[in-house]
C-alpha cells in the first residue's frame, strides 16, 4: 500500500454558525474536494476525515481515500456549547488509531495535517487544556487554525499552533477563499512541499 497523507478537518458546528456561515462551509468543503481530486499527487495519497463539534463531537467522515470521500451536508443544533477540547481529544484518538507508523518492516504514513475552524471560544476549558499535550504527541506536519468572525478568539488557537488565521467576515466569499487555500495547502503536503502556500487577502495570518 502506498503511503497515505492523513488530513483531518475539525469544524465548529455550534448554533452560532447558523445561516450563511455553515452554508458557506458546506459549499467550501465541496469545492475543496473538487479541487483536490484534480491533483494526481493528492488523489494518490490524501485520506480525509471530517469531524464536527458543538455540544457533541461527530465523526462525519472517517479517514477515507480522497477519491472515495462522500461528505454529507453539515447541519447544526439550534444552540449549545462549543466543545473544542472534546473535538481535539477526539482527533488525537483517531490519529493514534488510524495513522500507520514507520517500522523496520514498512514505511508508515506521512505525518498528518489538521485544519481547524471555529467562530468562538472553547466552552470546555479543562478538556481543552488536556487536549494540548495529546495534540503535540500526534506530531502533525501542520496544524492550521482558523478564527472565523468577530467573536472567535485567536488566543486559544495560538496555544494549539503557530499557524492561526482569521476571517473577518463570515460570508461565502471569505469561506470560499479559506477552503481554496486549504486545498492548496493539502496539495503542497501531498507533493512533499516544505511549507504552506501564502494565504489569499481574505485570510489574515495572526502573529
N, C-alpha and C. Protein backbone atom coordinates (compact mmCIF):
# COMPACT_ATOMS: atom_id res chain seq x y z
N UNK A 1 0.84 -1.19 0.00
CA UNK A 1 0.00 0.00 0.00
C UNK A 1 0.88 1.25 0.00
N UNK A 2 0.53 2.26 -0.82
CA UNK A 2 1.32 3.49 -0.87
C UNK A 2 1.11 4.29 0.42
N UNK A 3 2.07 5.15 0.70
CA UNK A 3 1.99 5.96 1.92
C UNK A 3 0.84 6.96 1.81
N UNK A 4 0.10 7.09 2.89
CA UNK A 4 -1.05 7.98 2.91
C UNK A 4 -0.67 9.31 3.56
N UNK A 5 -1.38 10.38 3.17
CA UNK A 5 -1.30 11.66 3.86
C UNK A 5 -2.65 11.86 4.56
N UNK A 6 -2.72 11.57 5.87
CA UNK A 6 -3.99 11.73 6.58
C UNK A 6 -4.26 13.22 6.86
N UNK A 7 -5.44 13.69 6.47
CA UNK A 7 -5.84 15.09 6.66
C UNK A 7 -7.14 15.12 7.46
N UNK A 8 -7.08 15.80 8.60
CA UNK A 8 -8.25 15.89 9.48
C UNK A 8 -8.82 17.31 9.43
N UNK A 9 -10.13 17.41 9.16
CA UNK A 9 -10.85 18.68 9.21
C UNK A 9 -11.71 18.68 10.46
N UNK A 10 -11.51 19.67 11.33
CA UNK A 10 -12.28 19.78 12.57
C UNK A 10 -13.05 21.09 12.51
N UNK A 11 -14.38 21.01 12.37
CA UNK A 11 -15.21 22.17 12.06
C UNK A 11 -16.21 22.43 13.19
N UNK A 12 -16.28 23.69 13.62
CA UNK A 12 -17.25 24.14 14.62
C UNK A 12 -18.66 24.05 14.02
N UNK A 13 -19.52 23.29 14.68
CA UNK A 13 -20.91 23.17 14.21
C UNK A 13 -21.89 23.65 15.28
N UNK A 14 -21.44 24.55 16.16
CA UNK A 14 -22.32 25.08 17.20
C UNK A 14 -23.37 26.01 16.59
N UNK A 15 -24.39 26.33 17.37
CA UNK A 15 -25.54 27.08 16.86
C UNK A 15 -25.19 28.43 16.29
N UNK A 16 -24.10 29.02 16.74
CA UNK A 16 -23.72 30.36 16.25
C UNK A 16 -23.28 30.34 14.79
N UNK A 17 -23.07 29.15 14.24
CA UNK A 17 -22.68 29.05 12.82
C UNK A 17 -23.91 28.95 11.91
N UNK A 18 -25.12 29.12 12.47
CA UNK A 18 -26.35 29.02 11.69
C UNK A 18 -26.34 30.00 10.53
N UNK A 19 -27.09 29.65 9.47
CA UNK A 19 -27.29 30.57 8.37
C UNK A 19 -26.17 30.53 7.35
N UNK A 20 -25.77 31.71 6.89
CA UNK A 20 -24.77 31.79 5.82
C UNK A 20 -23.45 31.13 6.19
N UNK A 21 -22.94 31.26 7.47
CA UNK A 21 -21.64 30.64 7.77
C UNK A 21 -21.59 29.15 7.47
N UNK A 22 -22.56 28.37 7.97
CA UNK A 22 -22.47 26.92 7.76
C UNK A 22 -22.78 26.57 6.30
N UNK A 23 -23.64 27.36 5.66
CA UNK A 23 -23.88 27.14 4.23
C UNK A 23 -22.58 27.33 3.45
N UNK A 24 -21.85 28.40 3.80
CA UNK A 24 -20.59 28.69 3.13
C UNK A 24 -19.56 27.60 3.40
N UNK A 25 -19.54 27.05 4.61
CA UNK A 25 -18.63 25.96 4.94
C UNK A 25 -18.95 24.73 4.08
N UNK A 26 -20.23 24.38 3.96
CA UNK A 26 -20.62 23.23 3.15
C UNK A 26 -20.20 23.41 1.69
N UNK A 27 -20.43 24.62 1.15
CA UNK A 27 -20.05 24.91 -0.23
C UNK A 27 -18.53 24.84 -0.36
N UNK A 28 -17.81 25.40 0.63
CA UNK A 28 -16.35 25.42 0.59
C UNK A 28 -15.75 24.02 0.62
N UNK A 29 -16.32 23.14 1.45
CA UNK A 29 -15.80 21.77 1.53
C UNK A 29 -16.01 21.04 0.21
N UNK A 30 -17.17 21.23 -0.42
CA UNK A 30 -17.42 20.58 -1.71
C UNK A 30 -16.43 21.08 -2.77
N UNK A 31 -16.19 22.39 -2.77
CA UNK A 31 -15.24 22.96 -3.73
C UNK A 31 -13.82 22.45 -3.47
N UNK A 32 -13.48 22.29 -2.19
CA UNK A 32 -12.16 21.78 -1.83
C UNK A 32 -11.97 20.35 -2.35
N UNK A 33 -12.99 19.52 -2.17
CA UNK A 33 -12.92 18.14 -2.67
C UNK A 33 -12.71 18.11 -4.18
N UNK A 34 -13.46 18.95 -4.88
CA UNK A 34 -13.34 19.01 -6.34
C UNK A 34 -11.93 19.42 -6.76
N UNK A 35 -11.39 20.44 -6.08
CA UNK A 35 -10.04 20.92 -6.43
C UNK A 35 -8.99 19.86 -6.15
N UNK A 36 -9.10 19.20 -4.99
CA UNK A 36 -8.10 18.19 -4.63
C UNK A 36 -8.12 17.01 -5.61
N UNK A 37 -9.31 16.64 -6.08
CA UNK A 37 -9.41 15.49 -6.97
C UNK A 37 -8.82 15.75 -8.34
N UNK A 38 -8.53 17.00 -8.63
CA UNK A 38 -7.90 17.33 -9.92
C UNK A 38 -6.38 17.24 -9.84
N UNK A 39 -5.86 17.00 -8.65
CA UNK A 39 -4.41 16.91 -8.47
C UNK A 39 -4.00 15.45 -8.32
N UNK A 40 -3.15 14.92 -9.22
CA UNK A 40 -2.82 13.50 -9.17
C UNK A 40 -2.07 13.09 -7.91
N UNK A 41 -1.20 13.98 -7.39
CA UNK A 41 -0.49 13.64 -6.15
C UNK A 41 -1.47 13.49 -4.99
N UNK A 42 -2.40 14.45 -4.89
CA UNK A 42 -3.39 14.40 -3.81
C UNK A 42 -4.28 13.17 -3.95
N UNK A 43 -4.70 12.89 -5.18
CA UNK A 43 -5.61 11.76 -5.41
C UNK A 43 -4.94 10.45 -5.03
N UNK A 44 -3.64 10.38 -5.17
CA UNK A 44 -2.91 9.15 -4.86
C UNK A 44 -2.68 8.97 -3.36
N UNK A 45 -2.51 10.08 -2.62
CA UNK A 45 -2.04 9.94 -1.23
C UNK A 45 -2.98 10.47 -0.16
N UNK A 46 -3.86 11.44 -0.48
CA UNK A 46 -4.64 12.09 0.57
C UNK A 46 -5.80 11.22 1.04
N UNK A 47 -5.90 11.11 2.36
CA UNK A 47 -7.05 10.49 3.02
C UNK A 47 -7.67 11.55 3.92
N UNK A 48 -8.98 11.74 3.81
CA UNK A 48 -9.66 12.82 4.53
C UNK A 48 -10.54 12.29 5.65
N UNK A 49 -10.60 13.07 6.74
CA UNK A 49 -11.55 12.81 7.82
C UNK A 49 -12.22 14.13 8.17
N UNK A 50 -13.54 14.12 8.37
CA UNK A 50 -14.28 15.33 8.78
C UNK A 50 -14.94 15.06 10.13
N UNK A 51 -14.61 15.91 11.10
CA UNK A 51 -15.16 15.82 12.45
C UNK A 51 -15.74 17.17 12.81
N UNK A 52 -16.95 17.19 13.38
CA UNK A 52 -17.56 18.45 13.82
C UNK A 52 -17.76 18.42 15.33
N UNK A 53 -17.83 19.62 15.90
CA UNK A 53 -18.03 19.72 17.35
C UNK A 53 -19.00 20.86 17.67
N UNK A 54 -19.95 20.56 18.54
CA UNK A 54 -20.80 21.57 19.19
C UNK A 54 -20.90 21.11 20.62
N UNK A 55 -22.09 20.77 21.11
CA UNK A 55 -22.14 20.13 22.43
C UNK A 55 -21.79 18.65 22.33
N UNK A 56 -21.80 18.13 21.10
CA UNK A 56 -21.37 16.77 20.82
C UNK A 56 -20.27 16.79 19.76
N UNK A 57 -19.48 15.72 19.72
CA UNK A 57 -18.48 15.56 18.67
C UNK A 57 -18.97 14.45 17.74
N UNK A 58 -18.95 14.73 16.44
CA UNK A 58 -19.44 13.76 15.47
C UNK A 58 -18.38 13.51 14.40
N UNK A 59 -18.11 12.24 14.14
CA UNK A 59 -17.22 11.86 13.04
C UNK A 59 -18.09 11.70 11.79
N UNK A 60 -18.11 12.73 10.95
CA UNK A 60 -18.98 12.72 9.78
C UNK A 60 -18.36 11.98 8.61
N UNK A 61 -17.03 11.89 8.61
CA UNK A 61 -16.33 11.08 7.61
C UNK A 61 -15.10 10.48 8.27
N UNK A 62 -15.08 9.15 8.49
CA UNK A 62 -13.85 8.53 8.99
C UNK A 62 -12.77 8.63 7.92
N UNK A 63 -11.52 8.42 8.29
CA UNK A 63 -10.41 8.59 7.36
C UNK A 63 -10.64 7.75 6.10
N UNK A 64 -10.80 8.44 4.97
CA UNK A 64 -11.25 7.81 3.72
C UNK A 64 -10.40 8.33 2.56
N UNK A 65 -10.08 7.46 1.61
CA UNK A 65 -9.34 7.88 0.42
C UNK A 65 -10.07 9.02 -0.28
N UNK A 66 -9.32 10.00 -0.76
CA UNK A 66 -9.90 11.19 -1.37
C UNK A 66 -10.89 10.84 -2.47
N UNK A 67 -10.53 9.89 -3.32
CA UNK A 67 -11.40 9.53 -4.44
C UNK A 67 -12.71 8.91 -4.02
N UNK A 68 -12.77 8.39 -2.79
CA UNK A 68 -13.99 7.72 -2.31
C UNK A 68 -14.76 8.56 -1.29
N UNK A 69 -14.22 9.72 -0.91
CA UNK A 69 -14.83 10.52 0.17
C UNK A 69 -16.16 11.11 -0.27
N UNK A 70 -17.20 10.85 0.50
CA UNK A 70 -18.53 11.44 0.30
C UNK A 70 -18.89 12.17 1.59
N UNK A 71 -19.03 13.49 1.51
CA UNK A 71 -19.29 14.29 2.71
C UNK A 71 -20.71 14.85 2.64
N UNK A 72 -21.51 14.49 3.64
CA UNK A 72 -22.89 14.98 3.69
C UNK A 72 -22.93 16.40 4.23
N UNK A 73 -24.01 17.09 3.93
CA UNK A 73 -24.23 18.46 4.40
C UNK A 73 -24.15 18.51 5.93
N UNK A 74 -23.40 19.47 6.45
CA UNK A 74 -23.32 19.66 7.90
C UNK A 74 -24.54 20.44 8.36
N UNK A 75 -25.29 19.87 9.32
CA UNK A 75 -26.43 20.57 9.91
C UNK A 75 -26.10 20.88 11.36
N UNK A 76 -26.78 21.89 11.92
CA UNK A 76 -26.42 22.40 13.24
C UNK A 76 -27.54 22.25 14.25
N UNK A 77 -27.18 22.16 15.55
CA UNK A 77 -28.19 22.30 16.60
C UNK A 77 -28.62 23.76 16.68
N UNK A 78 -29.77 24.04 17.30
CA UNK A 78 -30.24 25.42 17.41
C UNK A 78 -29.32 26.26 18.30
N UNK A 79 -28.78 25.64 19.31
CA UNK A 79 -27.89 26.36 20.24
C UNK A 79 -27.02 25.33 20.93
N UNK A 80 -26.18 25.80 21.85
CA UNK A 80 -25.39 24.84 22.60
C UNK A 80 -23.94 25.26 22.73
N UNK A 81 -23.22 24.47 23.49
CA UNK A 81 -21.83 24.78 23.82
C UNK A 81 -20.90 24.50 22.64
N UNK A 82 -19.67 25.01 22.78
CA UNK A 82 -18.62 24.81 21.78
C UNK A 82 -17.53 23.94 22.41
N UNK A 83 -17.67 22.62 22.26
CA UNK A 83 -16.76 21.69 22.93
C UNK A 83 -15.53 21.43 22.05
N UNK A 84 -14.71 22.49 21.91
CA UNK A 84 -13.48 22.38 21.13
C UNK A 84 -12.52 21.38 21.75
N UNK A 85 -12.39 21.40 23.09
CA UNK A 85 -11.49 20.47 23.77
C UNK A 85 -11.83 19.02 23.46
N UNK A 86 -13.13 18.69 23.55
CA UNK A 86 -13.57 17.32 23.23
C UNK A 86 -13.26 16.98 21.77
N UNK A 87 -13.44 17.97 20.88
CA UNK A 87 -13.14 17.75 19.48
C UNK A 87 -11.68 17.43 19.24
N UNK A 88 -10.80 18.18 19.92
CA UNK A 88 -9.35 17.96 19.76
C UNK A 88 -8.94 16.59 20.32
N UNK A 89 -9.51 16.21 21.45
CA UNK A 89 -9.19 14.89 22.03
C UNK A 89 -9.68 13.78 21.10
N UNK A 90 -10.85 13.98 20.49
CA UNK A 90 -11.38 13.00 19.54
C UNK A 90 -10.42 12.84 18.36
N UNK A 91 -9.92 13.98 17.84
CA UNK A 91 -8.96 13.92 16.73
C UNK A 91 -7.71 13.16 17.15
N UNK A 92 -7.19 13.46 18.35
CA UNK A 92 -5.98 12.77 18.82
C UNK A 92 -6.22 11.26 18.92
N UNK A 93 -7.41 10.87 19.41
CA UNK A 93 -7.75 9.45 19.48
C UNK A 93 -7.73 8.81 18.09
N UNK A 94 -8.29 9.52 17.11
CA UNK A 94 -8.35 8.97 15.75
C UNK A 94 -6.96 8.89 15.12
N UNK A 95 -6.12 9.88 15.36
CA UNK A 95 -4.75 9.83 14.82
C UNK A 95 -4.01 8.63 15.39
N UNK A 96 -4.13 8.42 16.70
CA UNK A 96 -3.46 7.28 17.34
C UNK A 96 -3.97 5.96 16.76
N UNK A 97 -5.25 5.91 16.42
CA UNK A 97 -5.84 4.68 15.90
C UNK A 97 -5.54 4.48 14.42
N UNK A 98 -5.59 5.57 13.63
CA UNK A 98 -5.61 5.45 12.17
C UNK A 98 -4.25 5.52 11.50
N UNK A 99 -3.36 6.37 12.01
CA UNK A 99 -2.13 6.68 11.29
C UNK A 99 -1.11 5.56 11.48
N UNK A 100 -0.61 5.02 10.37
CA UNK A 100 0.35 3.92 10.39
C UNK A 100 1.74 4.49 10.63
N UNK A 101 2.41 4.00 11.67
CA UNK A 101 3.76 4.47 11.99
C UNK A 101 4.81 3.63 11.26
N UNK A 102 5.94 4.26 10.98
CA UNK A 102 7.03 3.54 10.32
C UNK A 102 7.64 2.51 11.26
N UNK A 103 8.09 1.41 10.68
CA UNK A 103 8.75 0.36 11.45
C UNK A 103 9.88 -0.22 10.60
N UNK A 104 10.57 -1.21 11.14
CA UNK A 104 11.64 -1.84 10.39
C UNK A 104 11.11 -2.54 9.13
N UNK A 105 9.85 -2.97 9.19
CA UNK A 105 9.25 -3.71 8.08
C UNK A 105 8.61 -2.83 7.02
N UNK A 106 8.16 -1.61 7.40
CA UNK A 106 7.40 -0.80 6.45
C UNK A 106 7.59 0.69 6.71
N UNK A 107 7.38 1.45 5.65
CA UNK A 107 7.30 2.90 5.80
C UNK A 107 5.88 3.25 6.18
N UNK A 108 5.73 4.05 7.21
CA UNK A 108 4.40 4.42 7.65
C UNK A 108 3.82 5.56 6.81
N UNK A 109 2.67 6.07 7.27
CA UNK A 109 2.03 7.19 6.61
C UNK A 109 2.88 8.46 6.75
N UNK A 110 2.60 9.44 5.88
CA UNK A 110 3.16 10.76 6.09
C UNK A 110 2.58 11.35 7.38
N UNK A 111 3.30 12.32 7.95
CA UNK A 111 2.77 12.97 9.15
C UNK A 111 1.45 13.65 8.82
N UNK A 112 0.46 13.52 9.68
CA UNK A 112 -0.88 14.04 9.36
C UNK A 112 -0.94 15.56 9.41
N UNK A 113 -2.03 16.10 8.81
CA UNK A 113 -2.31 17.53 8.84
C UNK A 113 -3.67 17.73 9.52
N UNK A 114 -3.81 18.86 10.21
CA UNK A 114 -5.08 19.20 10.87
C UNK A 114 -5.47 20.62 10.51
N UNK A 115 -6.72 20.77 10.04
CA UNK A 115 -7.29 22.09 9.77
C UNK A 115 -8.51 22.26 10.67
N UNK A 116 -8.47 23.30 11.48
CA UNK A 116 -9.49 23.55 12.50
C UNK A 116 -10.15 24.89 12.22
N UNK A 117 -11.48 24.95 12.32
CA UNK A 117 -12.20 26.22 12.17
C UNK A 117 -13.20 26.38 13.31
N UNK A 118 -13.21 27.56 13.94
CA UNK A 118 -14.20 27.86 14.98
C UNK A 118 -14.57 29.33 14.92
N UNK A 119 -15.80 29.65 15.35
CA UNK A 119 -16.23 31.05 15.39
C UNK A 119 -16.37 31.54 16.83
N UNK A 120 -15.83 30.78 17.79
CA UNK A 120 -15.97 31.17 19.19
C UNK A 120 -14.77 30.76 20.02
N UNK A 121 -15.02 30.47 21.29
CA UNK A 121 -14.00 30.02 22.24
C UNK A 121 -14.45 28.69 22.84
N UNK A 122 -13.51 27.87 23.32
CA UNK A 122 -13.91 26.59 23.90
C UNK A 122 -14.75 26.75 25.16
N UNK A 123 -15.86 26.01 25.23
CA UNK A 123 -16.69 26.01 26.44
C UNK A 123 -16.14 25.04 27.48
N UNK A 124 -15.32 24.09 27.05
CA UNK A 124 -14.81 23.03 27.93
C UNK A 124 -13.31 23.25 28.17
N UNK A 125 -12.99 24.27 28.95
CA UNK A 125 -11.58 24.68 29.11
C UNK A 125 -10.71 23.59 29.70
N UNK A 126 -11.25 22.82 30.66
CA UNK A 126 -10.45 21.75 31.26
C UNK A 126 -10.06 20.72 30.21
N UNK A 127 -11.03 20.31 29.40
CA UNK A 127 -10.75 19.34 28.33
C UNK A 127 -9.82 19.95 27.27
N UNK A 128 -9.97 21.25 27.02
CA UNK A 128 -9.09 21.93 26.07
C UNK A 128 -7.64 21.84 26.54
N UNK A 129 -7.42 22.09 27.82
CA UNK A 129 -6.04 22.02 28.36
C UNK A 129 -5.51 20.59 28.29
N UNK A 130 -6.38 19.61 28.55
CA UNK A 130 -5.96 18.21 28.48
C UNK A 130 -5.61 17.82 27.05
N UNK A 131 -6.24 18.48 26.08
CA UNK A 131 -6.02 18.11 24.68
C UNK A 131 -4.66 18.55 24.16
N UNK A 132 -4.10 19.63 24.71
CA UNK A 132 -2.89 20.22 24.13
C UNK A 132 -1.70 19.24 24.09
N UNK A 133 -1.35 18.55 25.21
CA UNK A 133 -0.24 17.59 25.11
C UNK A 133 -0.56 16.41 24.21
N UNK A 134 -1.84 16.04 24.12
CA UNK A 134 -2.23 14.94 23.23
C UNK A 134 -1.96 15.32 21.77
N UNK A 135 -2.26 16.58 21.42
CA UNK A 135 -2.01 17.03 20.04
C UNK A 135 -0.53 17.05 19.72
N UNK A 136 0.27 17.51 20.69
CA UNK A 136 1.73 17.54 20.46
C UNK A 136 2.27 16.14 20.20
N UNK A 137 1.72 15.17 20.92
CA UNK A 137 2.18 13.78 20.76
C UNK A 137 1.82 13.21 19.38
N UNK A 138 0.82 13.81 18.71
CA UNK A 138 0.42 13.32 17.39
C UNK A 138 1.42 13.68 16.30
N UNK A 139 2.30 14.64 16.56
CA UNK A 139 3.35 15.05 15.61
C UNK A 139 2.78 15.40 14.24
N UNK A 140 1.82 16.32 14.22
CA UNK A 140 1.26 16.79 12.96
C UNK A 140 2.34 17.50 12.14
N UNK A 141 2.30 17.31 10.84
CA UNK A 141 3.19 18.07 9.96
C UNK A 141 2.79 19.54 9.98
N UNK A 142 1.48 19.80 9.95
CA UNK A 142 0.95 21.16 10.02
C UNK A 142 -0.37 21.14 10.77
N UNK A 143 -0.59 22.14 11.60
CA UNK A 143 -1.90 22.42 12.16
C UNK A 143 -2.23 23.86 11.77
N UNK A 144 -3.35 24.05 11.10
CA UNK A 144 -3.82 25.38 10.74
C UNK A 144 -5.14 25.61 11.47
N UNK A 145 -5.22 26.68 12.25
CA UNK A 145 -6.43 27.01 12.99
C UNK A 145 -7.00 28.31 12.46
N UNK A 146 -8.30 28.31 12.18
CA UNK A 146 -8.96 29.49 11.62
C UNK A 146 -9.97 30.04 12.62
N UNK A 147 -9.79 31.31 12.99
CA UNK A 147 -10.75 32.03 13.83
C UNK A 147 -11.68 32.79 12.90
N UNK A 148 -12.92 32.32 12.79
CA UNK A 148 -13.86 32.88 11.82
C UNK A 148 -14.82 33.85 12.48
N UNK A 149 -14.82 35.10 12.01
CA UNK A 149 -15.77 36.08 12.51
C UNK A 149 -15.29 36.84 13.73
N UNK A 150 -16.03 37.88 14.12
CA UNK A 150 -15.57 38.79 15.18
C UNK A 150 -15.56 38.19 16.58
N UNK A 151 -16.32 37.12 16.83
CA UNK A 151 -16.39 36.55 18.18
C UNK A 151 -15.36 35.44 18.41
N UNK A 152 -14.63 35.07 17.38
CA UNK A 152 -13.65 33.99 17.52
C UNK A 152 -12.41 34.49 18.26
N UNK A 153 -11.91 33.67 19.18
CA UNK A 153 -10.72 34.05 19.96
C UNK A 153 -9.50 33.34 19.39
N UNK A 154 -8.55 34.14 18.89
CA UNK A 154 -7.32 33.54 18.38
C UNK A 154 -6.37 33.17 19.52
N UNK A 155 -6.59 33.70 20.74
CA UNK A 155 -5.70 33.42 21.86
C UNK A 155 -5.66 31.92 22.18
N UNK A 156 -6.82 31.28 22.21
CA UNK A 156 -6.85 29.84 22.47
C UNK A 156 -6.20 29.07 21.33
N UNK A 157 -6.46 29.51 20.10
CA UNK A 157 -5.93 28.79 18.94
C UNK A 157 -4.41 28.87 18.89
N UNK A 158 -3.84 29.97 19.38
CA UNK A 158 -2.38 30.10 19.40
C UNK A 158 -1.74 29.08 20.34
N UNK A 159 -2.51 28.56 21.30
CA UNK A 159 -1.98 27.52 22.18
C UNK A 159 -1.89 26.18 21.45
N UNK A 160 -2.64 26.06 20.34
CA UNK A 160 -2.65 24.82 19.56
C UNK A 160 -1.56 24.83 18.51
N UNK A 161 -1.38 25.98 17.84
CA UNK A 161 -0.49 26.04 16.68
C UNK A 161 0.02 27.46 16.47
N UNK A 162 1.16 27.57 15.80
CA UNK A 162 1.67 28.88 15.43
C UNK A 162 0.96 29.43 14.18
N UNK A 163 0.32 28.56 13.44
CA UNK A 163 -0.35 28.98 12.20
C UNK A 163 -1.83 29.23 12.48
N UNK A 164 -2.14 30.46 12.89
CA UNK A 164 -3.52 30.87 13.16
C UNK A 164 -3.90 31.94 12.15
N UNK A 165 -5.03 31.73 11.50
CA UNK A 165 -5.52 32.71 10.52
C UNK A 165 -6.89 33.20 10.96
N UNK A 166 -7.26 34.39 10.50
CA UNK A 166 -8.57 34.94 10.82
C UNK A 166 -9.35 35.25 9.55
N UNK A 167 -10.67 35.08 9.65
CA UNK A 167 -11.60 35.57 8.64
C UNK A 167 -12.43 36.65 9.30
N UNK A 168 -12.29 37.88 8.85
CA UNK A 168 -13.02 38.98 9.48
C UNK A 168 -14.51 38.90 9.19
N UNK A 169 -14.86 38.42 7.99
CA UNK A 169 -16.27 38.28 7.64
C UNK A 169 -16.61 36.80 7.53
N UNK A 170 -17.89 36.48 7.68
CA UNK A 170 -18.33 35.09 7.64
C UNK A 170 -19.27 34.88 6.46
N UNK A 171 -18.88 35.46 5.29
CA UNK A 171 -19.70 35.29 4.11
C UNK A 171 -19.09 34.22 3.20
N UNK A 172 -19.82 33.91 2.15
CA UNK A 172 -19.41 32.81 1.27
C UNK A 172 -18.06 33.07 0.61
N UNK A 173 -17.81 34.34 0.26
CA UNK A 173 -16.55 34.65 -0.42
C UNK A 173 -15.36 34.36 0.47
N UNK A 174 -15.43 34.77 1.74
CA UNK A 174 -14.31 34.56 2.66
C UNK A 174 -14.09 33.08 2.94
N UNK A 175 -15.18 32.35 3.23
CA UNK A 175 -15.04 30.92 3.48
C UNK A 175 -14.54 30.20 2.24
N UNK A 176 -15.03 30.63 1.08
CA UNK A 176 -14.58 30.00 -0.16
C UNK A 176 -13.08 30.15 -0.36
N UNK A 177 -12.56 31.35 -0.07
CA UNK A 177 -11.12 31.59 -0.20
C UNK A 177 -10.33 30.75 0.81
N UNK A 178 -10.90 30.61 2.03
CA UNK A 178 -10.21 29.80 3.05
C UNK A 178 -10.08 28.36 2.58
N UNK A 179 -11.17 27.76 2.11
CA UNK A 179 -11.11 26.35 1.71
C UNK A 179 -10.28 26.17 0.44
N UNK A 180 -10.25 27.20 -0.41
CA UNK A 180 -9.36 27.14 -1.57
C UNK A 180 -7.91 27.07 -1.11
N UNK A 181 -7.58 27.87 -0.09
CA UNK A 181 -6.22 27.85 0.47
C UNK A 181 -5.93 26.51 1.14
N UNK A 182 -6.93 25.96 1.86
CA UNK A 182 -6.75 24.64 2.50
C UNK A 182 -6.42 23.60 1.44
N UNK A 183 -7.16 23.62 0.32
CA UNK A 183 -6.89 22.61 -0.71
C UNK A 183 -5.49 22.79 -1.30
N UNK A 184 -5.05 24.06 -1.46
CA UNK A 184 -3.68 24.29 -1.96
C UNK A 184 -2.65 23.80 -0.95
N UNK A 185 -2.94 23.98 0.34
CA UNK A 185 -2.02 23.52 1.39
C UNK A 185 -1.92 22.00 1.41
N UNK A 186 -3.07 21.33 1.25
CA UNK A 186 -3.07 19.86 1.23
C UNK A 186 -2.31 19.36 0.00
N UNK A 187 -2.54 20.02 -1.14
CA UNK A 187 -1.84 19.63 -2.37
C UNK A 187 -0.33 19.77 -2.18
N UNK A 188 0.10 20.88 -1.54
CA UNK A 188 1.53 21.06 -1.27
C UNK A 188 2.06 19.95 -0.38
N UNK A 189 1.27 19.57 0.63
CA UNK A 189 1.68 18.48 1.52
C UNK A 189 1.78 17.16 0.80
N UNK A 190 0.86 16.90 -0.12
CA UNK A 190 0.89 15.62 -0.84
C UNK A 190 2.06 15.55 -1.81
N UNK A 191 2.55 16.71 -2.23
CA UNK A 191 3.71 16.74 -3.12
C UNK A 191 5.01 16.88 -2.33
N UNK A 192 4.92 16.71 -0.99
CA UNK A 192 6.06 16.79 -0.09
C UNK A 192 6.72 18.16 -0.10
N UNK A 193 5.93 19.22 -0.32
CA UNK A 193 6.47 20.57 -0.22
C UNK A 193 6.73 20.88 1.25
N UNK A 194 7.65 21.80 1.50
CA UNK A 194 8.12 22.01 2.87
C UNK A 194 7.34 23.07 3.63
N UNK A 195 6.50 23.86 2.93
CA UNK A 195 5.80 24.92 3.65
C UNK A 195 4.44 25.17 3.03
N UNK A 196 3.56 25.81 3.82
CA UNK A 196 2.23 26.14 3.36
C UNK A 196 2.32 27.29 2.35
N UNK A 197 1.44 27.30 1.35
CA UNK A 197 1.42 28.43 0.42
C UNK A 197 0.90 29.69 1.12
N UNK A 198 1.23 30.88 0.63
CA UNK A 198 0.72 32.10 1.26
C UNK A 198 -0.80 32.17 1.12
N UNK A 199 -1.50 32.65 2.16
CA UNK A 199 -2.96 32.70 2.09
C UNK A 199 -3.43 33.88 1.22
N UNK A 200 -4.69 33.81 0.74
CA UNK A 200 -5.24 34.92 -0.02
C UNK A 200 -5.52 36.13 0.87
N UNK A 201 -5.83 37.30 0.29
CA UNK A 201 -6.04 38.52 1.11
C UNK A 201 -7.16 38.38 2.14
N UNK A 202 -8.18 37.55 1.85
CA UNK A 202 -9.31 37.41 2.79
C UNK A 202 -8.89 36.68 4.06
N UNK A 203 -7.79 35.96 4.00
CA UNK A 203 -7.33 35.12 5.13
C UNK A 203 -6.09 35.77 5.74
N UNK A 204 -6.24 36.31 6.95
CA UNK A 204 -5.14 37.03 7.60
C UNK A 204 -4.42 36.13 8.59
N UNK A 205 -3.08 36.10 8.52
CA UNK A 205 -2.31 35.32 9.49
C UNK A 205 -2.13 36.15 10.76
N UNK A 206 -2.33 35.51 11.92
CA UNK A 206 -2.19 36.16 13.22
C UNK A 206 -0.76 35.97 13.71
N UNK A 207 -0.09 37.07 14.07
CA UNK A 207 1.27 36.99 14.58
C UNK A 207 1.29 37.23 16.07
